């Protein structure tokens, strides 16, 4: 295996005098990892790499080794690390106003909401911070709508979700997860959810009744291994929910904002949900930004005092979010994801039968199943670190590939070659 070469970062020479480096050179990766152990909660199992700098699709550790980032913060970095337009938007806003709370209006919120509504083809925006907050807000919204508009009896509203889902980590959300690692030890759980198999319209129809407020699904299940439904599934969900008089809520926190080669994953079937949940890439990898975007008659059921967030829609978040919307409005990043997605799929197809037992890909997003004889997904990810490529495993034998949409064809081919090298090595 090759070791990633050390590089000189020109930005290091431009650091202002007296500035404090986020990762002091006097502490090695091993020392920093050991230093975390007693003081940082062990709710993650990171790969053994300590990053200090980044630019575009490249990240650098504290020893100066560079890596291609093929995880992109689970799609939070769709535009790469420190995209110049996003950094500039943040800098400009930092010099003006960062937080007001929603007790007051500010001059960035209207533009952000107008742009996001236009981009998504919906009407109104509820700004929040994290993806889990957007999902929780969507659940509250659906229940409120069910009682006030659909006429469901008080405290009887149900929401139908899909098995294998990943919508966040709050107690409500893990309560309807089918992942026992996420659920175990966190009950009792919130009632009112029905779980059906993903990509099964018959099961979905059987679960929907007069109490159903909404069907909440990921158009593509990311954490489950980038599971892509059959053609027509999303159209079927839209038609079913319309007939049943309930809401279709699409969680596009990972799949949205250019990742799949379209602005939204639902765009592949020309479907428009009633409620859209966005996050991750909406903050450009700079600040946490999420949003519930919906039809006016749905979001209109919320009134002052019924829901809120101190930081939701803050001026800094709105400035960065607006810059993200402007990047997507050009269509460039969607086209890049579609075009380079063909390169990614072709490269993975060439590895099938040579360490890859199967894969699913849409745009610049893939779940790759590794031959267990070569090791677990975790072990393959660790070996890729030594080849200068960062990915992450899920569900044992699967690795996820989701590079920034700014990656070049040459960089993507370099990463695929590294995967081929690793798969050629025996466990």
Protein backbone atom coordinates (compact mmCIF):
# COMPACT_ATOMS: atom_id res chain seq x y z
CA UNK A 1 0.00 0.00 0.00
CA UNK A 2 1.14 3.51 -0.66
CA UNK A 3 1.20 6.18 2.01
CA UNK A 4 -0.42 9.52 1.11
CA UNK A 5 2.31 12.04 0.40
CA UNK A 6 2.85 15.05 2.60
CA UNK A 7 2.10 18.36 0.94
CA UNK A 8 2.71 21.98 1.69
CA UNK A 9 -0.50 23.93 2.19
CA UNK A 10 -0.11 27.48 0.83
CA UNK A 11 -2.86 28.61 3.20
CA UNK A 12 -0.56 27.85 6.12
CA UNK A 13 1.77 30.67 5.08
CA UNK A 14 -1.17 33.07 4.96
CA UNK A 15 -2.28 32.44 8.56
CA UNK A 16 -2.43 35.81 10.37
CA UNK A 17 0.17 36.45 13.03
CA UNK A 18 -1.01 35.33 16.43
CA UNK A 19 -3.73 33.04 15.01
CA UNK A 20 -4.22 29.72 16.77
CA UNK A 21 -4.04 26.58 14.61
CA UNK A 22 -7.07 24.34 15.19
CA UNK A 23 -4.80 21.28 15.30
CA UNK A 24 -1.40 22.22 16.73
CA UNK A 25 1.48 20.57 14.91
CA UNK A 26 2.99 19.61 18.27
CA UNK A 27 0.32 16.92 18.75
CA UNK A 28 0.33 13.92 16.43
CA UNK A 29 -2.75 12.12 15.14
CA UNK A 30 -2.20 9.31 17.63
CA UNK A 31 -1.84 11.77 20.51
CA UNK A 32 -4.99 13.66 19.54
CA UNK A 33 -7.00 10.44 19.22
CA UNK A 34 -5.81 9.37 22.68
CA UNK A 35 -6.65 12.81 24.07
CA UNK A 36 -10.26 12.47 22.90
CA UNK A 37 -10.85 9.17 24.68
CA UNK A 38 -11.44 10.41 28.25
CA UNK A 39 -13.28 13.64 27.38
CA UNK A 40 -15.38 13.00 24.24
CA UNK A 41 -18.48 10.76 24.35
CA UNK A 42 -17.94 7.49 22.50
CA UNK A 43 -21.04 7.76 20.31
CA UNK A 44 -18.97 7.51 17.13
CA UNK A 45 -16.29 5.13 15.88
CA UNK A 46 -14.25 7.38 13.56
CA UNK A 47 -11.59 6.16 11.20
CA UNK A 48 -8.10 6.76 12.68
CA UNK A 49 -7.34 9.98 10.82
CA UNK A 50 -7.19 13.48 12.35
CA UNK A 51 -7.97 16.22 9.85
CA UNK A 52 -6.72 19.77 10.16
CA UNK A 53 -7.24 21.50 6.81
CA UNK A 54 -9.33 21.11 3.68
CA UNK A 55 -9.87 22.62 0.25
CA UNK A 56 -12.31 21.39 -2.38
CA UNK A 57 -12.32 17.59 -2.42
CA UNK A 58 -9.01 17.28 -0.54
CA UNK A 59 -8.46 17.11 3.22
CA UNK A 60 -5.17 17.10 5.10
CA UNK A 61 -4.29 15.53 8.44
CA UNK A 62 -2.11 17.01 11.16
CA UNK A 63 0.99 15.33 9.73
CA UNK A 64 0.37 16.90 6.30
CA UNK A 65 -0.93 13.77 4.53
CA UNK A 66 -3.66 14.49 1.96
CA UNK A 67 -6.75 12.43 1.21
CA UNK A 68 -9.58 12.51 -1.29
CA UNK A 69 -12.79 12.98 0.68
CA UNK A 70 -15.35 10.55 -0.77
CA UNK A 71 -17.81 10.93 2.10
CA UNK A 72 -18.35 14.71 1.96
CA UNK A 73 -19.76 14.89 5.46
CA UNK A 74 -22.57 12.45 4.55
CA UNK A 75 -23.51 14.89 1.75
CA UNK A 76 -23.19 18.03 3.89
CA UNK A 77 -20.23 19.03 1.70
CA UNK A 78 -21.85 18.70 -1.72
CA UNK A 79 -19.93 21.80 -2.84
CA UNK A 80 -16.63 20.70 -1.36
CA UNK A 81 -14.69 22.08 1.55
CA UNK A 82 -14.56 25.86 1.84
CA UNK A 83 -16.23 26.64 -1.48
CA UNK A 84 -15.13 30.23 -2.25
CA UNK A 85 -18.64 31.58 -2.84
CA UNK A 86 -19.93 30.06 0.40
CA UNK A 87 -16.95 31.18 2.47
CA UNK A 88 -17.30 34.68 1.05
CA UNK A 89 -21.00 34.77 1.91
CA UNK A 90 -20.22 33.70 5.47
CA UNK A 91 -17.42 36.24 5.86
CA UNK A 92 -19.60 39.07 4.58
CA UNK A 93 -22.38 38.17 6.98
CA UNK A 94 -20.02 37.71 9.95
CA UNK A 95 -19.08 41.36 9.54
CA UNK A 96 -22.73 42.47 9.66
CA UNK A 97 -25.10 40.40 11.82
CA UNK A 98 -25.09 36.78 12.99
CA UNK A 99 -28.09 36.24 15.26
CA UNK A 100 -31.30 38.02 16.18
CA UNK A 101 -33.48 35.06 17.24
CA UNK A 102 -36.91 35.04 15.62
CA UNK A 103 -38.08 37.68 18.12
CA UNK A 104 -37.13 40.16 15.39
CA UNK A 105 -37.05 40.23 11.61
CA UNK A 106 -33.70 40.42 9.80
CA UNK A 107 -32.76 41.36 6.27
CA UNK A 108 -31.57 37.93 5.04
CA UNK A 109 -34.51 35.65 5.83
CA UNK A 110 -36.96 36.68 3.12
CA UNK A 111 -34.42 36.23 0.32
CA UNK A 112 -33.36 32.83 1.61
CA UNK A 113 -36.95 31.58 1.86
CA UNK A 114 -37.93 33.00 -1.54
CA UNK A 115 -34.97 31.34 -3.24
CA UNK A 116 -35.45 27.97 -1.57
CA UNK A 117 -39.17 27.90 -2.30
CA UNK A 118 -38.53 28.70 -5.96
CA UNK A 119 -35.75 26.10 -6.23
CA UNK A 120 -37.95 23.34 -4.83
CA UNK A 121 -41.24 24.30 -6.46
CA UNK A 122 -43.03 24.73 -3.14
CA UNK A 123 -44.47 27.73 -1.30
CA UNK A 124 -43.29 28.28 2.26
CA UNK A 125 -40.18 27.62 4.34
CA UNK A 126 -39.76 26.80 8.02
CA UNK A 127 -36.03 27.30 8.75
CA UNK A 128 -34.38 25.09 11.34
CA UNK A 129 -30.80 23.98 12.07
CA UNK A 130 -30.17 20.25 11.91
CA UNK A 131 -31.67 17.47 9.84
CA UNK A 132 -33.20 15.82 12.89
CA UNK A 133 -34.88 19.12 13.78
CA UNK A 134 -36.35 19.30 10.29
CA UNK A 135 -37.75 15.77 10.65
CA UNK A 136 -39.17 16.50 14.11
CA UNK A 137 -40.71 19.68 12.74
CA UNK A 138 -42.21 17.75 9.83
CA UNK A 139 -43.77 15.26 12.24
CA UNK A 140 -45.30 18.05 14.34
CA UNK A 141 -46.53 19.79 11.21
CA UNK A 142 -48.16 16.61 9.86
CA UNK A 143 -49.99 15.97 13.11
CA UNK A 144 -51.17 19.57 13.39
CA UNK A 145 -52.40 19.45 9.79
CA UNK A 146 -54.18 16.14 10.39
CA UNK A 147 -56.16 17.53 13.32
CA UNK A 148 -56.97 20.93 11.86
CA UNK A 149 -57.44 20.12 8.17
CA UNK A 150 -58.07 16.40 7.73
CA UNK A 151 -60.18 16.12 10.87
CA UNK A 152 -58.41 13.22 12.58
CA UNK A 153 -59.62 12.73 16.16
CA UNK A 154 -57.35 14.32 18.81
CA UNK A 155 -54.20 12.30 19.61
CA UNK A 156 -55.08 9.61 17.05
CA UNK A 157 -52.91 10.72 14.11
CA UNK A 158 -50.52 8.15 12.65
CA UNK A 159 -47.53 8.48 10.36
CA UNK A 160 -46.37 5.65 8.09
CA UNK A 161 -42.61 5.18 7.67
CA UNK A 162 -40.37 2.68 5.90
CA UNK A 163 -38.24 -0.08 7.39
CA UNK A 164 -34.52 0.61 7.11
CA UNK A 165 -35.12 4.33 7.49
CA UNK A 166 -32.68 6.83 8.91
CA UNK A 167 -34.26 10.17 9.81
CA UNK A 168 -32.11 11.22 12.78
CA UNK A 169 -31.24 10.41 16.36
CA UNK A 170 -33.90 11.99 18.60
CA UNK A 171 -35.94 9.70 20.85
CA UNK A 172 -39.04 10.16 18.68
CA UNK A 173 -37.15 9.29 15.51
CA UNK A 174 -35.23 6.27 16.81
CA UNK A 175 -38.54 4.99 18.15
CA UNK A 176 -39.65 4.20 14.59
CA UNK A 177 -36.24 3.01 13.41
CA UNK A 178 -35.73 -0.67 12.64
CA UNK A 179 -32.04 -0.46 13.56
CA UNK A 180 -31.71 -2.03 16.99
CA UNK A 181 -28.37 -0.33 17.59
CA UNK A 182 -30.12 3.02 17.26
CA UNK A 183 -33.14 1.97 19.36
CA UNK A 184 -31.82 -0.23 22.16
CA UNK A 185 -31.78 1.42 25.57
CA UNK A 186 -33.66 4.59 24.60
CA UNK A 187 -37.32 3.69 25.20
CA UNK A 188 -40.13 4.21 25.97
CA UNK A 189 -40.92 5.48 22.50
CA UNK A 190 -43.48 7.85 21.06
CA UNK A 191 -46.55 6.08 19.67
CA UNK A 192 -48.27 6.90 16.41
CA UNK A 193 -45.95 5.38 13.80
CA UNK A 194 -46.48 2.41 11.49
CA UNK A 195 -43.51 0.74 9.79
CA UNK A 196 -43.85 -0.92 6.39
CA UNK A 197 -41.25 -2.43 4.04
CA UNK A 198 -39.48 0.10 1.82
CA UNK A 199 -40.28 0.00 -1.89
CA UNK A 200 -43.54 -1.91 -1.28
CA UNK A 201 -46.60 0.02 -2.42
CA UNK A 202 -49.04 -2.74 -1.46
CA UNK A 203 -47.79 -2.77 2.13
CA UNK A 204 -47.94 1.02 2.22
CA UNK A 205 -51.52 1.08 0.99
CA UNK A 206 -52.54 -1.49 3.60
CA UNK A 207 -51.07 0.66 6.39
CA UNK A 208 -52.80 3.90 5.39
CA UNK A 209 -56.23 4.64 6.88
CA UNK A 210 -58.38 7.53 8.06
CA UNK A 211 -55.94 8.30 10.91
CA UNK A 212 -52.93 8.68 8.62
CA UNK A 213 -51.48 12.17 8.71
CA UNK A 214 -48.52 11.48 6.44
CA UNK A 215 -46.24 9.01 4.74
CA UNK A 216 -42.62 9.88 5.59
CA UNK A 217 -39.93 8.30 3.43
CA UNK A 218 -36.45 8.86 2.08
CA UNK A 219 -36.67 8.77 -1.74
CA UNK A 220 -33.32 6.95 -1.55
CA UNK A 221 -32.33 5.30 1.72
CA UNK A 222 -28.78 6.47 2.40
CA UNK A 223 -27.82 4.97 5.74
CA UNK A 224 -29.33 1.65 4.68
CA UNK A 225 -26.72 1.41 1.92
CA UNK A 226 -28.02 3.77 -0.81
CA UNK A 227 -31.13 1.74 -1.54
CA UNK A 228 -32.87 2.98 -4.68
CA UNK A 229 -36.55 2.10 -5.12
CA UNK A 230 -38.06 0.64 -8.26
CA UNK A 231 -39.07 3.03 -11.01
CA UNK A 232 -42.58 4.23 -10.29
CA UNK A 233 -42.39 3.79 -6.50
CA UNK A 234 -42.25 7.51 -5.75
CA UNK A 235 -45.02 8.19 -8.25
CA UNK A 236 -47.05 5.48 -6.55
CA UNK A 237 -46.46 7.02 -3.12
CA UNK A 238 -47.60 10.39 -4.45
CA UNK A 239 -50.76 8.94 -5.99
CA UNK A 240 -51.56 6.84 -2.93
CA UNK A 241 -51.20 9.74 -0.48
CA UNK A 242 -53.32 11.96 -2.69
CA UNK A 243 -56.10 9.37 -2.82
CA UNK A 244 -55.89 8.77 0.92
CA UNK A 245 -55.96 12.46 1.75
CA UNK A 246 -52.70 12.42 3.67
CA UNK A 247 -49.37 14.18 3.24
CA UNK A 248 -46.34 12.90 1.37
CA UNK A 249 -43.23 13.97 3.30
CA UNK A 250 -39.94 13.40 1.46
CA UNK A 251 -36.80 13.38 3.60
CA UNK A 252 -34.14 14.64 1.18
CA UNK A 253 -31.63 15.61 3.84
CA UNK A 254 -29.02 13.31 2.27
CA UNK A 255 -30.42 12.77 -1.22
CA UNK A 256 -31.31 16.36 -2.05
CA UNK A 257 -29.55 19.44 -3.38
CA UNK A 258 -27.78 17.97 -6.39
CA UNK A 259 -26.44 14.69 -4.99
CA UNK A 260 -28.32 12.37 -7.37
CA UNK A 261 -27.91 14.42 -10.55
CA UNK A 262 -31.13 16.35 -10.08
CA UNK A 263 -31.95 19.07 -7.55
CA UNK A 264 -34.03 16.54 -5.60
CA UNK A 265 -34.21 12.76 -5.79
CA UNK A 266 -37.97 12.99 -6.31
CA UNK A 267 -37.25 14.94 -9.51
CA UNK A 268 -36.22 11.68 -11.18
CA UNK A 269 -39.93 10.81 -11.26
CA UNK A 270 -41.20 14.39 -11.58
CA UNK A 271 -42.92 14.05 -8.22
CA UNK A 272 -43.64 16.96 -5.89
CA UNK A 273 -44.25 16.04 -2.23
CA UNK A 274 -46.45 18.08 0.07
CA UNK A 275 -43.58 18.53 2.51
CA UNK A 276 -39.86 18.45 1.79
CA UNK A 277 -37.19 18.06 4.48
CA UNK A 278 -33.76 19.50 3.71
CA UNK A 279 -30.51 19.85 5.64
CA UNK A 280 -26.84 18.90 5.38
CA UNK A 281 -25.74 20.52 2.07
CA UNK A 282 -28.08 23.46 2.69
CA UNK A 283 -25.46 24.80 5.10
CA UNK A 284 -22.64 24.42 2.59
CA UNK A 285 -20.47 22.57 5.11
CA UNK A 286 -20.10 25.84 7.04
CA UNK A 287 -23.06 26.15 9.41
CA UNK A 288 -25.95 23.82 10.30
CA UNK A 289 -28.96 24.78 8.19
CA UNK A 290 -32.12 22.76 7.65
CA UNK A 291 -35.61 23.52 6.46
CA UNK A 292 -39.13 22.23 6.11
CA UNK A 293 -40.44 23.38 2.73
CA UNK A 294 -44.11 22.81 2.03
CA UNK A 295 -47.31 23.85 0.34
CA UNK A 296 -48.78 27.02 1.84
CA UNK A 297 -51.94 25.31 3.09
CA UNK A 298 -49.80 22.82 5.04
CA UNK A 299 -47.20 25.08 6.68
CA UNK A 300 -49.92 27.66 7.18
CA UNK A 301 -51.35 25.65 10.08
CA UNK A 302 -48.49 26.79 12.34
CA UNK A 303 -49.20 29.91 14.36
CA UNK A 304 -47.02 32.04 16.67
CA UNK A 305 -45.91 30.15 19.76
CA UNK A 306 -46.64 26.67 18.39
CA UNK A 307 -43.14 25.94 17.11
CA UNK A 308 -39.80 27.73 17.05
CA UNK A 309 -36.02 27.73 17.17
CA UNK A 310 -33.67 30.39 18.57
CA UNK A 311 -31.11 29.78 15.83
CA UNK A 312 -33.47 28.67 13.05
CA UNK A 313 -33.13 30.98 10.06
CA UNK A 314 -30.45 33.11 11.70
CA UNK A 315 -28.74 35.72 9.48
CA UNK A 316 -25.52 33.73 9.05
CA UNK A 317 -27.41 30.57 8.16
CA UNK A 318 -29.68 32.47 5.77
CA UNK A 319 -26.70 34.09 4.04
CA UNK A 320 -24.94 30.76 3.50
CA UNK A 321 -28.18 29.02 2.57
CA UNK A 322 -28.92 31.70 0.00
CA UNK A 323 -25.48 31.21 -1.53
CA UNK A 324 -26.14 27.45 -1.72
CA UNK A 325 -29.44 28.07 -3.49
CA UNK A 326 -27.67 30.39 -5.96
CA UNK A 327 -25.12 27.68 -6.78
CA UNK A 328 -27.85 25.13 -7.39
CA UNK A 329 -29.93 27.54 -9.45
CA UNK A 330 -27.23 27.44 -12.14
CA UNK A 331 -27.82 23.70 -12.67
CA UNK A 332 -24.05 23.15 -12.90
CA UNK A 333 -23.76 20.89 -9.88
CA UNK A 334 -26.71 18.73 -10.86
CA UNK A 335 -25.15 18.23 -14.30
CA UNK A 336 -21.77 17.39 -12.78
CA UNK A 337 -23.36 14.80 -10.50
CA UNK A 338 -25.22 13.23 -13.41
CA UNK A 339 -22.20 13.16 -15.75
CA UNK A 340 -19.65 12.00 -13.18
CA UNK A 341 -22.20 9.57 -11.81
CA UNK A 342 -21.81 7.63 -15.04
CA UNK A 343 -18.05 7.47 -14.44
CA UNK A 344 -18.66 6.26 -10.89
CA UNK A 345 -21.12 3.58 -12.00
CA UNK A 346 -18.85 2.39 -14.80
CA UNK A 347 -15.89 2.16 -12.45
CA UNK A 348 -17.86 0.17 -9.90
CA UNK A 349 -19.27 -2.12 -12.59
CA UNK A 350 -15.69 -2.93 -13.62
CA UNK A 351 -14.98 -4.02 -10.04
CA UNK A 352 -18.05 -6.23 -9.77
CA UNK A 353 -16.89 -9.78 -9.35
CA UNK A 354 -13.46 -8.49 -8.33
CA UNK A 355 -14.19 -7.71 -4.71
CA UNK A 356 -17.50 -5.94 -5.28
CA UNK A 357 -20.53 -8.21 -4.99
CA UNK A 358 -23.03 -5.49 -5.91
CA UNK A 359 -23.64 -1.77 -5.89
CA UNK A 360 -26.39 0.79 -6.19
CA UNK A 361 -25.67 4.26 -7.56
CA UNK A 362 -27.52 7.38 -8.55
CA UNK A 363 -25.57 10.45 -9.49
CA UNK A 364 -22.50 10.84 -7.28
CA UNK A 365 -23.84 8.53 -4.59
CA UNK A 366 -23.23 4.82 -4.29
CA UNK A 367 -23.53 1.97 -1.84
CA UNK A 368 -20.92 -0.67 -2.59
CA UNK A 369 -21.21 -4.21 -1.21
CA UNK A 370 -17.82 -5.76 -0.48
CA UNK A 371 -16.99 -9.45 -0.76
CA UNK A 372 -16.84 -10.59 2.90
CA UNK A 373 -13.79 -12.71 2.04
CA UNK A 374 -11.84 -9.46 1.65
CA UNK A 375 -12.90 -8.02 5.01
CA UNK A 376 -15.66 -5.90 6.48
CA UNK A 377 -16.69 -2.51 5.18
CA UNK A 378 -14.84 -1.00 8.12
CA UNK A 379 -11.64 -2.85 7.24
CA UNK A 380 -11.85 -1.79 3.59
CA UNK A 381 -12.40 1.81 4.71
CA UNK A 382 -9.33 1.63 6.94
CA UNK A 383 -7.21 0.26 4.09
CA UNK A 384 -8.42 3.04 1.81
CA UNK A 385 -7.11 5.56 4.33
CA UNK A 386 -3.62 4.24 3.53
CA UNK A 387 -4.33 4.79 -0.16
CA UNK A 388 -5.31 8.41 0.46
CA UNK A 389 -9.08 7.97 0.12
CA UNK A 390 -11.73 8.49 2.81
CA UNK A 391 -15.04 6.59 2.74
CA UNK A 392 -17.23 5.14 5.49
CA UNK A 393 -18.91 1.80 6.02
CA UNK A 394 -22.48 0.96 6.92
CA UNK A 395 -24.26 -2.27 7.81
CA UNK A 396 -21.13 -4.38 7.95
CA UNK A 397 -20.19 -5.15 4.36
CA UNK A 398 -21.19 -1.93 2.56
CA UNK A 399 -19.22 1.25 1.98
CA UNK A 400 -20.76 4.53 0.88
CA UNK A 401 -19.25 6.76 -1.77
CA UNK A 402 -20.47 10.36 -1.92
CA UNK A 403 -17.74 12.77 -3.03
CA UNK A 404 -18.22 16.53 -3.29
CA UNK A 405 -19.95 17.41 -6.55
CA UNK A 406 -16.87 19.49 -7.39
CA UNK A 407 -14.69 16.40 -7.85
CA UNK A 408 -13.01 16.08 -11.24
CA UNK A 409 -13.14 13.02 -13.47
CA UNK A 410 -9.41 12.45 -12.84
CA UNK A 411 -9.85 12.60 -9.05
CA UNK A 412 -12.81 10.22 -9.20
CA UNK A 413 -10.87 7.77 -11.34
CA UNK A 414 -7.95 8.05 -8.90
CA UNK A 415 -10.28 7.10 -6.04
CA UNK A 416 -11.74 4.17 -7.99
CA UNK A 417 -8.23 2.95 -8.78
CA UNK A 418 -7.42 3.07 -5.06
CA UNK A 419 -10.52 1.00 -4.33
CA UNK A 420 -9.39 -1.51 -6.93
CA UNK A 421 -5.98 -1.68 -5.32
CA UNK A 422 -7.45 -2.33 -1.89
CA UNK A 423 -9.83 -4.99 -3.20
CA UNK A 424 -6.86 -6.75 -4.79
CA UNK A 425 -5.33 -7.21 -1.36
CA UNK A 426 -6.27 -10.20 0.76
CA UNK A 427 -7.53 -9.76 4.31
